[in-house]
């Protein structure tokens, strides 16, 4: 496609490897297989290309299920970990920790926050509600309206660590609490 440079194919194995580097919950990761991942092409847009026009054109190509443009993330440099919570709409994937349950409750959020503040090595803790999460996603991702799903977006806590070695302690402290979908490293 014109306007795209450095295009490279990403296999299911490469997608899985990248996913595995971001997930901090080994038990959850053990439920995800290479076959669960998708294949993709990744590239860079030239500065003059309008991202939404590119996405819409790419999605008209045969075999393309979804296209998006990803910008540097809002939380990159501000937080080391994301503690994502169960969204409004239960995920369809039965392996997802939030499958079959409702959105995280206020009581569950309070318990998660309390545990985060009690965990040694945790510096700043930020909360991203649904409205803020939507704005962050719109900043970081450009995709067509047909792929926007406000009901399945996860709200979450974003944690800046005083000590990077504390990531495991955060996972142990909150990773299995009710309402937590997953704890992930902020890498983009």
N, C-alpha and C. Protein backbone atom coordinates (compact mmCIF):
# COMPACT_ATOMS: atom_id res chain seq x y z
N UNK A 1 0.86 -1.19 0.00
CA UNK A 1 0.00 0.00 0.00
C UNK A 1 0.89 1.24 0.00
N UNK A 2 0.53 2.21 -0.79
CA UNK A 2 1.32 3.45 -0.78
C UNK A 2 1.21 4.13 0.60
N UNK A 3 2.25 4.76 1.00
CA UNK A 3 2.24 5.47 2.27
C UNK A 3 2.71 4.64 3.45
N UNK A 4 2.99 3.36 3.22
CA UNK A 4 3.44 2.48 4.30
C UNK A 4 4.86 2.04 4.01
N UNK A 5 5.71 2.09 5.02
CA UNK A 5 7.10 1.65 4.86
C UNK A 5 7.42 0.58 5.90
N UNK A 6 8.52 -0.08 5.72
CA UNK A 6 9.04 -1.07 6.67
C UNK A 6 7.99 -2.10 7.05
N UNK A 7 7.26 -2.62 6.07
CA UNK A 7 6.22 -3.61 6.33
C UNK A 7 6.87 -4.95 6.63
N UNK A 8 6.34 -5.60 7.66
CA UNK A 8 6.87 -6.90 8.06
C UNK A 8 5.73 -7.78 8.54
N UNK A 9 5.78 -9.04 8.17
CA UNK A 9 4.80 -10.04 8.61
C UNK A 9 5.15 -10.51 10.02
N UNK A 10 4.13 -10.61 10.88
CA UNK A 10 4.30 -11.15 12.24
C UNK A 10 3.51 -12.45 12.33
N UNK A 11 4.20 -13.53 12.60
CA UNK A 11 3.56 -14.84 12.72
C UNK A 11 2.84 -14.95 14.07
N UNK A 12 2.06 -16.01 14.19
CA UNK A 12 1.40 -16.28 15.47
C UNK A 12 2.43 -16.45 16.59
N UNK A 13 3.56 -17.08 16.27
CA UNK A 13 4.61 -17.28 17.27
C UNK A 13 5.18 -15.94 17.73
N UNK A 14 5.42 -15.02 16.80
CA UNK A 14 5.95 -13.70 17.17
C UNK A 14 4.94 -12.90 17.98
N UNK A 15 3.67 -12.98 17.58
CA UNK A 15 2.61 -12.29 18.33
C UNK A 15 2.54 -12.84 19.75
N UNK A 16 2.63 -14.16 19.88
CA UNK A 16 2.59 -14.79 21.20
C UNK A 16 3.79 -14.37 22.04
N UNK A 17 4.98 -14.37 21.44
CA UNK A 17 6.19 -13.97 22.17
C UNK A 17 6.05 -12.54 22.71
N UNK A 18 5.54 -11.64 21.88
CA UNK A 18 5.35 -10.25 22.32
C UNK A 18 4.31 -10.18 23.44
N UNK A 19 3.20 -10.91 23.27
CA UNK A 19 2.14 -10.95 24.28
C UNK A 19 2.70 -11.48 25.60
N UNK A 20 3.47 -12.56 25.52
CA UNK A 20 4.02 -13.19 26.73
C UNK A 20 4.96 -12.26 27.48
N UNK A 21 5.64 -11.37 26.79
CA UNK A 21 6.54 -10.42 27.45
C UNK A 21 5.76 -9.37 28.24
N UNK A 22 4.53 -9.12 27.85
CA UNK A 22 3.73 -8.09 28.51
C UNK A 22 2.91 -8.62 29.68
N UNK A 23 2.54 -9.90 29.65
CA UNK A 23 1.68 -10.48 30.68
C UNK A 23 2.54 -10.88 31.87
N UNK A 24 2.13 -10.46 33.06
CA UNK A 24 2.90 -10.79 34.25
C UNK A 24 2.34 -12.00 35.00
N UNK A 25 1.15 -12.45 34.65
CA UNK A 25 0.51 -13.57 35.34
C UNK A 25 0.81 -14.87 34.60
N UNK A 26 1.73 -15.64 35.14
CA UNK A 26 2.15 -16.88 34.51
C UNK A 26 1.00 -17.88 34.40
N UNK A 27 0.13 -17.89 35.39
CA UNK A 27 -1.01 -18.81 35.37
C UNK A 27 -1.95 -18.48 34.21
N UNK A 28 -2.23 -17.19 34.02
CA UNK A 28 -3.06 -16.78 32.88
C UNK A 28 -2.35 -17.10 31.57
N UNK A 29 -1.08 -16.78 31.49
CA UNK A 29 -0.32 -17.02 30.27
C UNK A 29 -0.34 -18.50 29.90
N UNK A 30 -0.34 -19.37 30.89
CA UNK A 30 -0.36 -20.80 30.62
C UNK A 30 -1.64 -21.24 29.92
N UNK A 31 -2.71 -20.44 30.01
CA UNK A 31 -3.97 -20.79 29.35
C UNK A 31 -4.02 -20.30 27.90
N UNK A 32 -3.08 -19.46 27.51
CA UNK A 32 -3.05 -18.90 26.16
C UNK A 32 -2.05 -19.68 25.32
N UNK A 33 -2.47 -20.06 24.13
CA UNK A 33 -1.61 -20.85 23.25
C UNK A 33 -1.25 -20.03 22.02
N UNK A 34 -0.22 -20.43 21.34
CA UNK A 34 0.19 -19.77 20.10
C UNK A 34 -0.97 -19.75 19.12
N UNK A 35 -1.74 -20.83 19.06
CA UNK A 35 -2.87 -20.91 18.14
C UNK A 35 -3.95 -19.87 18.43
N UNK A 36 -3.98 -19.33 19.65
CA UNK A 36 -4.96 -18.29 20.00
C UNK A 36 -4.61 -16.93 19.41
N UNK A 37 -3.40 -16.78 18.96
CA UNK A 37 -2.93 -15.48 18.47
C UNK A 37 -3.29 -15.31 17.00
N UNK A 38 -3.31 -14.06 16.57
CA UNK A 38 -3.54 -13.76 15.17
C UNK A 38 -2.22 -13.51 14.46
N UNK A 39 -2.29 -13.47 13.16
CA UNK A 39 -1.13 -13.09 12.34
C UNK A 39 -1.36 -11.66 11.90
N UNK A 40 -0.29 -10.95 11.61
CA UNK A 40 -0.48 -9.56 11.20
C UNK A 40 0.67 -9.09 10.32
N UNK A 41 0.42 -7.96 9.71
CA UNK A 41 1.47 -7.22 9.03
C UNK A 41 1.61 -5.92 9.79
N UNK A 42 2.83 -5.50 10.03
CA UNK A 42 3.09 -4.24 10.72
C UNK A 42 4.00 -3.40 9.85
N UNK A 43 3.78 -2.12 9.91
CA UNK A 43 4.61 -1.20 9.14
C UNK A 43 4.53 0.18 9.76
N UNK A 44 5.14 1.13 9.09
CA UNK A 44 5.13 2.52 9.55
C UNK A 44 4.48 3.38 8.48
N UNK A 45 3.63 4.31 8.93
CA UNK A 45 3.00 5.24 8.01
C UNK A 45 3.93 6.40 7.73
N UNK A 46 3.93 6.83 6.50
CA UNK A 46 4.66 8.06 6.17
C UNK A 46 3.91 9.22 6.80
N UNK A 47 4.61 10.30 7.17
CA UNK A 47 3.96 11.41 7.87
C UNK A 47 2.76 12.02 7.14
N UNK A 48 2.76 12.02 5.83
CA UNK A 48 1.68 12.68 5.09
C UNK A 48 0.41 11.83 5.00
N UNK A 49 0.45 10.59 5.44
CA UNK A 49 -0.71 9.69 5.33
C UNK A 49 -1.66 9.94 6.50
N UNK A 50 -2.95 10.10 6.17
CA UNK A 50 -3.98 10.28 7.20
C UNK A 50 -4.31 8.91 7.79
N UNK A 51 -4.13 8.71 9.10
CA UNK A 51 -4.30 7.38 9.70
C UNK A 51 -5.66 6.73 9.46
N UNK A 52 -6.75 7.48 9.62
CA UNK A 52 -8.07 6.88 9.45
C UNK A 52 -8.30 6.47 8.00
N UNK A 53 -7.83 7.26 7.06
CA UNK A 53 -7.97 6.90 5.64
C UNK A 53 -7.21 5.61 5.35
N UNK A 54 -6.03 5.48 5.93
CA UNK A 54 -5.25 4.25 5.76
C UNK A 54 -6.02 3.05 6.32
N UNK A 55 -6.55 3.18 7.54
CA UNK A 55 -7.26 2.08 8.19
C UNK A 55 -8.45 1.65 7.33
N UNK A 56 -9.23 2.62 6.86
CA UNK A 56 -10.41 2.28 6.06
C UNK A 56 -10.01 1.61 4.75
N UNK A 57 -8.95 2.06 4.11
CA UNK A 57 -8.48 1.44 2.87
C UNK A 57 -7.95 0.03 3.13
N UNK A 58 -7.19 -0.14 4.19
CA UNK A 58 -6.63 -1.45 4.51
C UNK A 58 -7.72 -2.46 4.81
N UNK A 59 -8.78 -2.04 5.49
CA UNK A 59 -9.87 -2.97 5.84
C UNK A 59 -10.70 -3.40 4.64
N UNK A 60 -10.55 -2.72 3.53
CA UNK A 60 -11.23 -3.15 2.30
C UNK A 60 -10.45 -4.24 1.55
N UNK A 61 -9.23 -4.49 1.96
CA UNK A 61 -8.41 -5.52 1.30
C UNK A 61 -8.91 -6.91 1.67
N UNK A 62 -8.87 -7.85 0.72
CA UNK A 62 -9.29 -9.22 1.04
C UNK A 62 -8.42 -9.82 2.14
N UNK A 63 -9.06 -10.50 3.07
CA UNK A 63 -8.34 -11.18 4.13
C UNK A 63 -8.00 -10.33 5.34
N UNK A 64 -8.30 -9.02 5.29
CA UNK A 64 -8.00 -8.15 6.43
C UNK A 64 -9.23 -8.07 7.33
N UNK A 65 -9.08 -8.57 8.54
CA UNK A 65 -10.18 -8.55 9.51
C UNK A 65 -10.26 -7.20 10.22
N UNK A 66 -9.12 -6.62 10.51
CA UNK A 66 -9.08 -5.33 11.21
C UNK A 66 -7.74 -4.67 10.94
N UNK A 67 -7.78 -3.36 10.88
CA UNK A 67 -6.55 -2.58 10.72
C UNK A 67 -6.59 -1.45 11.73
N UNK A 68 -5.44 -1.05 12.21
CA UNK A 68 -5.37 0.09 13.11
C UNK A 68 -3.99 0.70 13.04
N UNK A 69 -3.91 1.94 13.50
CA UNK A 69 -2.64 2.65 13.59
C UNK A 69 -2.41 2.90 15.07
N UNK A 70 -1.23 2.54 15.53
CA UNK A 70 -0.90 2.69 16.94
C UNK A 70 0.14 3.79 17.10
N UNK A 71 -0.14 4.70 18.00
CA UNK A 71 0.79 5.78 18.34
C UNK A 71 1.44 5.45 19.68
N UNK A 72 2.52 6.16 20.04
CA UNK A 72 3.11 5.93 21.36
C UNK A 72 2.04 6.10 22.45
N UNK A 73 2.02 5.18 23.39
CA UNK A 73 0.99 5.16 24.41
C UNK A 73 1.08 6.29 25.41
N UNK A 74 -0.06 6.68 25.92
CA UNK A 74 -0.18 7.73 26.93
C UNK A 74 0.57 7.37 28.20
N UNK A 75 0.51 6.10 28.61
CA UNK A 75 1.07 5.68 29.89
C UNK A 75 2.55 5.37 29.83
N UNK A 76 3.12 5.29 28.63
CA UNK A 76 4.53 4.97 28.49
C UNK A 76 5.38 6.03 29.19
N UNK A 77 6.18 5.61 30.15
CA UNK A 77 7.01 6.53 30.93
C UNK A 77 6.32 7.05 32.18
N UNK A 78 4.98 7.01 32.20
CA UNK A 78 4.24 7.47 33.38
C UNK A 78 3.94 6.32 34.33
N UNK A 79 3.84 5.11 33.77
CA UNK A 79 3.50 3.93 34.57
C UNK A 79 4.31 2.74 34.06
N UNK A 80 4.57 1.81 34.96
CA UNK A 80 5.29 0.59 34.62
C UNK A 80 4.36 -0.60 34.44
N UNK A 81 3.24 -0.58 35.18
CA UNK A 81 2.29 -1.69 35.13
C UNK A 81 0.87 -1.16 34.94
N UNK A 82 0.07 -1.96 34.26
CA UNK A 82 -1.36 -1.69 34.13
C UNK A 82 -2.09 -2.82 34.84
N UNK A 83 -3.01 -2.47 35.72
CA UNK A 83 -3.86 -3.45 36.38
C UNK A 83 -5.24 -3.25 35.76
N UNK A 84 -5.55 -4.06 34.75
CA UNK A 84 -6.80 -3.92 34.02
C UNK A 84 -7.89 -4.70 34.71
N UNK A 85 -9.11 -4.14 34.69
CA UNK A 85 -10.22 -4.73 35.42
C UNK A 85 -11.31 -5.22 34.48
N UNK A 86 -12.22 -5.98 35.02
CA UNK A 86 -13.30 -6.55 34.23
C UNK A 86 -14.18 -5.44 33.64
N UNK A 87 -14.43 -5.51 32.31
CA UNK A 87 -15.22 -4.48 31.63
C UNK A 87 -16.72 -4.70 31.79
N UNK A 88 -17.50 -3.73 31.26
CA UNK A 88 -18.97 -3.82 31.32
C UNK A 88 -19.49 -5.09 30.67
N UNK A 89 -19.00 -5.37 29.49
CA UNK A 89 -19.44 -6.55 28.74
C UNK A 89 -18.48 -7.70 29.01
N UNK A 90 -19.00 -8.82 29.51
CA UNK A 90 -18.10 -9.96 29.76
C UNK A 90 -17.42 -10.42 28.47
N UNK A 91 -16.14 -10.71 28.52
CA UNK A 91 -15.44 -11.20 27.34
C UNK A 91 -16.00 -12.55 26.88
N UNK A 92 -15.95 -12.80 25.59
CA UNK A 92 -16.46 -14.06 25.04
C UNK A 92 -15.48 -15.21 25.24
N UNK A 93 -14.21 -14.90 25.34
CA UNK A 93 -13.19 -15.94 25.48
C UNK A 93 -13.32 -16.59 26.85
N UNK A 94 -13.62 -17.88 26.92
CA UNK A 94 -13.79 -18.54 28.22
C UNK A 94 -12.50 -18.57 29.05
N UNK A 95 -11.34 -18.36 28.41
CA UNK A 95 -10.07 -18.32 29.13
C UNK A 95 -9.85 -16.99 29.85
N UNK A 96 -10.60 -15.97 29.46
CA UNK A 96 -10.44 -14.65 30.06
C UNK A 96 -10.90 -14.69 31.51
N UNK A 97 -10.12 -14.13 32.45
CA UNK A 97 -10.50 -14.15 33.86
C UNK A 97 -11.85 -13.45 34.15
N UNK A 98 -12.32 -12.61 33.23
CA UNK A 98 -13.58 -11.89 33.44
C UNK A 98 -14.75 -12.53 32.70
N UNK A 99 -14.53 -13.65 32.04
CA UNK A 99 -15.61 -14.33 31.33
C UNK A 99 -16.70 -14.73 32.31
N UNK A 100 -17.94 -14.46 31.95
CA UNK A 100 -19.07 -14.89 32.77
C UNK A 100 -19.34 -14.05 34.00
N UNK A 101 -18.71 -12.89 34.10
CA UNK A 101 -18.99 -12.04 35.27
C UNK A 101 -19.27 -10.61 34.81
N UNK A 102 -19.78 -9.81 35.71
CA UNK A 102 -20.11 -8.43 35.40
C UNK A 102 -18.89 -7.53 35.61
N UNK A 103 -19.10 -6.26 35.32
CA UNK A 103 -18.07 -5.23 35.46
C UNK A 103 -17.55 -5.17 36.90
N UNK A 104 -16.29 -4.80 37.05
CA UNK A 104 -15.68 -4.63 38.36
C UNK A 104 -16.55 -3.69 39.20
N UNK A 105 -16.74 -4.03 40.47
CA UNK A 105 -17.57 -3.20 41.35
C UNK A 105 -16.73 -2.14 42.05
N UNK A 106 -17.38 -1.16 42.63
CA UNK A 106 -16.66 -0.13 43.39
C UNK A 106 -15.94 -0.74 44.59
N UNK A 107 -16.56 -1.71 45.25
CA UNK A 107 -15.91 -2.38 46.38
C UNK A 107 -14.64 -3.11 45.93
N UNK A 108 -14.72 -3.77 44.77
CA UNK A 108 -13.54 -4.47 44.25
C UNK A 108 -12.44 -3.48 43.90
N UNK A 109 -12.81 -2.35 43.28
CA UNK A 109 -11.81 -1.32 42.95
C UNK A 109 -11.13 -0.81 44.22
N UNK A 110 -11.92 -0.58 45.26
CA UNK A 110 -11.35 -0.11 46.53
C UNK A 110 -10.36 -1.12 47.10
N UNK A 111 -10.70 -2.40 47.04
CA UNK A 111 -9.81 -3.45 47.57
C UNK A 111 -8.52 -3.52 46.75
N UNK A 112 -8.64 -3.40 45.43
CA UNK A 112 -7.47 -3.42 44.56
C UNK A 112 -6.57 -2.23 44.88
N UNK A 113 -7.16 -1.05 45.00
CA UNK A 113 -6.38 0.15 45.32
C UNK A 113 -5.68 0.00 46.66
N UNK A 114 -6.40 -0.49 47.65
CA UNK A 114 -5.81 -0.69 48.98
C UNK A 114 -4.59 -1.60 48.90
N UNK A 115 -4.72 -2.72 48.19
CA UNK A 115 -3.59 -3.66 48.06
C UNK A 115 -2.42 -3.02 47.32
N UNK A 116 -2.70 -2.22 46.29
CA UNK A 116 -1.62 -1.55 45.56
C UNK A 116 -0.85 -0.62 46.49
N UNK A 117 -1.58 0.18 47.26
CA UNK A 117 -0.92 1.14 48.16
C UNK A 117 -0.15 0.44 49.28
N UNK A 118 -0.54 -0.77 49.64
CA UNK A 118 0.14 -1.53 50.68
C UNK A 118 1.38 -2.27 50.16
N UNK A 119 1.53 -2.37 48.86
CA UNK A 119 2.61 -3.17 48.28
C UNK A 119 3.92 -2.39 48.24
N UNK A 120 4.94 -2.97 48.82
CA UNK A 120 6.26 -2.35 48.85
C UNK A 120 6.81 -2.20 47.43
N UNK A 121 7.41 -1.05 47.16
CA UNK A 121 8.00 -0.79 45.85
C UNK A 121 7.08 -0.05 44.91
N UNK A 122 5.82 0.16 45.32
CA UNK A 122 4.87 0.90 44.50
C UNK A 122 5.03 2.39 44.79
N UNK A 123 5.17 3.17 43.73
CA UNK A 123 5.28 4.63 43.87
C UNK A 123 3.90 5.26 43.68
N UNK A 124 3.68 5.80 42.50
CA UNK A 124 2.41 6.43 42.18
C UNK A 124 1.40 5.41 41.67
N UNK A 125 0.12 5.64 41.99
CA UNK A 125 -0.97 4.81 41.48
C UNK A 125 -2.01 5.75 40.89
N UNK A 126 -2.34 5.52 39.63
CA UNK A 126 -3.32 6.33 38.91
C UNK A 126 -4.51 5.45 38.56
N UNK A 127 -5.71 6.02 38.55
CA UNK A 127 -6.89 5.28 38.13
C UNK A 127 -7.40 5.86 36.82
N UNK A 128 -7.67 5.01 35.87
CA UNK A 128 -8.21 5.42 34.57
C UNK A 128 -9.63 4.87 34.46
N UNK A 129 -10.62 5.76 34.60
CA UNK A 129 -12.01 5.31 34.49
C UNK A 129 -12.35 5.11 33.01
N UNK A 130 -13.59 4.71 32.74
CA UNK A 130 -13.99 4.38 31.36
C UNK A 130 -13.82 5.57 30.43
N UNK A 131 -14.17 6.76 30.88
CA UNK A 131 -14.06 7.94 30.03
C UNK A 131 -12.59 8.26 29.71
N UNK A 132 -11.75 8.21 30.74
CA UNK A 132 -10.32 8.46 30.52
C UNK A 132 -9.71 7.36 29.66
N UNK A 133 -10.09 6.11 29.91
CA UNK A 133 -9.57 5.00 29.11
C UNK A 133 -9.93 5.17 27.64
N UNK A 134 -11.15 5.66 27.37
CA UNK A 134 -11.56 5.90 25.98
C UNK A 134 -10.68 6.97 25.35
N UNK A 135 -10.42 8.05 26.08
CA UNK A 135 -9.58 9.13 25.56
C UNK A 135 -8.14 8.65 25.32
N UNK A 136 -7.63 7.85 26.24
CA UNK A 136 -6.27 7.31 26.08
C UNK A 136 -6.22 6.41 24.84
N UNK A 137 -7.23 5.57 24.69
CA UNK A 137 -7.27 4.68 23.53
C UNK A 137 -7.37 5.47 22.23
N UNK A 138 -8.19 6.52 22.22
CA UNK A 138 -8.32 7.34 21.02
C UNK A 138 -7.01 8.05 20.70
N UNK A 139 -6.24 8.40 21.72
CA UNK A 139 -4.93 9.01 21.51
C UNK A 139 -3.97 7.99 20.90
N UNK A 140 -3.99 6.78 21.42
CA UNK A 140 -3.00 5.79 21.03
C UNK A 140 -3.37 4.98 19.79
N UNK A 141 -4.67 4.83 19.52
CA UNK A 141 -5.10 3.94 18.44
C UNK A 141 -6.03 4.68 17.49
N UNK A 142 -5.80 4.45 16.21
CA UNK A 142 -6.73 4.93 15.17
C UNK A 142 -7.27 3.69 14.49
N UNK A 143 -8.58 3.52 14.53
CA UNK A 143 -9.22 2.37 13.92
C UNK A 143 -10.59 2.78 13.44
N UNK A 144 -11.22 1.95 12.62
CA UNK A 144 -12.52 2.29 12.08
C UNK A 144 -13.59 2.15 13.16
N UNK A 145 -14.69 2.83 12.98
CA UNK A 145 -15.77 2.80 13.97
C UNK A 145 -16.32 1.39 14.19
N UNK A 146 -16.25 0.55 13.15
CA UNK A 146 -16.82 -0.79 13.31
C UNK A 146 -16.04 -1.63 14.32
N UNK A 147 -14.82 -1.23 14.66
CA UNK A 147 -14.02 -1.97 15.63
C UNK A 147 -13.99 -1.30 17.00
N UNK A 148 -14.71 -0.22 17.16
CA UNK A 148 -14.75 0.45 18.45
C UNK A 148 -15.79 -0.23 19.33
N UNK A 149 -15.42 -0.55 20.55
CA UNK A 149 -16.29 -1.27 21.45
C UNK A 149 -16.14 -0.70 22.86
N UNK A 150 -16.93 0.31 23.16
CA UNK A 150 -16.83 0.97 24.46
C UNK A 150 -17.21 0.06 25.62
N UNK A 151 -18.04 -0.93 25.36
CA UNK A 151 -18.53 -1.79 26.43
C UNK A 151 -17.48 -2.79 26.91
N UNK A 152 -16.49 -3.11 26.08
CA UNK A 152 -15.51 -4.11 26.51
C UNK A 152 -14.18 -3.48 26.91
N UNK A 153 -14.12 -2.16 26.93
CA UNK A 153 -12.89 -1.47 27.33
C UNK A 153 -12.68 -1.65 28.83
N UNK A 154 -11.47 -1.96 29.21
CA UNK A 154 -11.15 -2.16 30.61
C UNK A 154 -10.73 -0.85 31.26
N UNK A 155 -11.31 -0.57 32.42
CA UNK A 155 -10.79 0.50 33.26
C UNK A 155 -9.63 -0.09 34.03
N UNK A 156 -8.82 0.74 34.66
CA UNK A 156 -7.72 0.15 35.38
C UNK A 156 -6.89 1.12 36.19
N UNK A 157 -6.02 0.53 36.97
CA UNK A 157 -5.02 1.28 37.72
C UNK A 157 -3.71 1.21 36.95
N UNK A 158 -2.99 2.29 36.96
CA UNK A 158 -1.67 2.35 36.33
C UNK A 158 -0.67 2.68 37.42
N UNK A 159 0.37 1.88 37.50
CA UNK A 159 1.29 1.90 38.64
C UNK A 159 2.69 2.27 38.20
N UNK A 160 3.23 3.31 38.83
CA UNK A 160 4.65 3.66 38.65
C UNK A 160 5.39 3.03 39.82
N UNK A 161 6.36 2.19 39.51
CA UNK A 161 7.11 1.49 40.54
C UNK A 161 8.31 2.30 41.00
N UNK A 162 8.57 2.29 42.30
CA UNK A 162 9.80 2.86 42.83
C UNK A 162 10.96 1.90 42.59
N UNK A 163 10.62 0.62 42.55
CA UNK A 163 11.60 -0.45 42.36
C UNK A 163 11.02 -1.40 41.32
N UNK A 164 11.67 -1.51 40.17
CA UNK A 164 11.17 -2.36 39.07
C UNK A 164 11.01 -3.81 39.50
N UNK A 165 11.78 -4.25 40.46
CA UNK A 165 11.68 -5.62 40.96
C UNK A 165 10.36 -5.87 41.67
N UNK A 166 9.61 -4.82 41.97
CA UNK A 166 8.33 -4.96 42.67
C UNK A 166 7.20 -5.43 41.75
N UNK A 167 7.46 -5.56 40.46
CA UNK A 167 6.40 -5.99 39.53
C UNK A 167 5.79 -7.32 39.95
N UNK A 168 6.61 -8.26 40.34
CA UNK A 168 6.11 -9.56 40.79
C UNK A 168 5.27 -9.45 42.05
N UNK A 169 5.68 -8.57 42.96
CA UNK A 169 4.91 -8.37 44.20
C UNK A 169 3.54 -7.78 43.90
N UNK A 170 3.48 -6.87 42.92
CA UNK A 170 2.19 -6.29 42.53
C UNK A 170 1.30 -7.39 41.95
N UNK A 171 1.86 -8.22 41.08
CA UNK A 171 1.09 -9.33 40.50
C UNK A 171 0.55 -10.23 41.59
N UNK A 172 1.39 -10.58 42.56
CA UNK A 172 0.94 -11.45 43.66
C UNK A 172 -0.10 -10.77 44.53
N UNK A 173 0.01 -9.47 44.71
CA UNK A 173 -0.91 -8.74 45.60
C UNK A 173 -2.30 -8.56 44.99
N UNK A 174 -2.37 -8.32 43.68
CA UNK A 174 -3.67 -7.99 43.09
C UNK A 174 -4.09 -8.89 41.93
N UNK A 175 -3.19 -9.65 41.37
CA UNK A 175 -3.48 -10.40 40.15
C UNK A 175 -4.64 -11.37 40.22
N UNK A 176 -4.93 -11.87 41.42
CA UNK A 176 -6.01 -12.86 41.56
C UNK A 176 -7.21 -12.30 42.32
N UNK A 177 -7.22 -10.99 42.58
CA UNK A 177 -8.36 -10.41 43.27
C UNK A 177 -9.58 -10.37 42.34
N UNK A 178 -10.78 -10.50 42.91
CA UNK A 178 -11.99 -10.39 42.10
C UNK A 178 -12.02 -9.03 41.39
N UNK A 179 -12.36 -9.06 40.11
CA UNK A 179 -12.46 -7.83 39.33
C UNK A 179 -11.23 -7.52 38.50
N UNK A 180 -10.10 -8.20 38.78
CA UNK A 180 -8.87 -7.96 38.02
C UNK A 180 -8.87 -8.85 36.79
N UNK A 181 -8.69 -8.23 35.64
CA UNK A 181 -8.62 -8.98 34.38
C UNK A 181 -7.19 -9.47 34.14
N UNK A 182 -6.24 -8.56 34.26
CA UNK A 182 -4.83 -8.94 34.12
C UNK A 182 -3.94 -7.80 34.57
N UNK A 183 -2.72 -8.16 34.92
CA UNK A 183 -1.67 -7.20 35.24
C UNK A 183 -0.66 -7.30 34.10
N UNK A 184 -0.34 -6.16 33.50
CA UNK A 184 0.54 -6.16 32.34
C UNK A 184 1.60 -5.07 32.48
N UNK A 185 2.75 -5.33 31.92
CA UNK A 185 3.78 -4.30 31.83
C UNK A 185 3.35 -3.27 30.79
N UNK A 186 3.62 -2.01 31.07
CA UNK A 186 3.36 -0.93 30.10
C UNK A 186 4.60 -0.84 29.22
N UNK A 187 4.46 -1.28 27.99
CA UNK A 187 5.61 -1.30 27.08
C UNK A 187 5.44 -0.43 25.85
N UNK A 188 4.27 0.10 25.66
CA UNK A 188 4.03 0.98 24.50
C UNK A 188 2.95 1.96 24.77
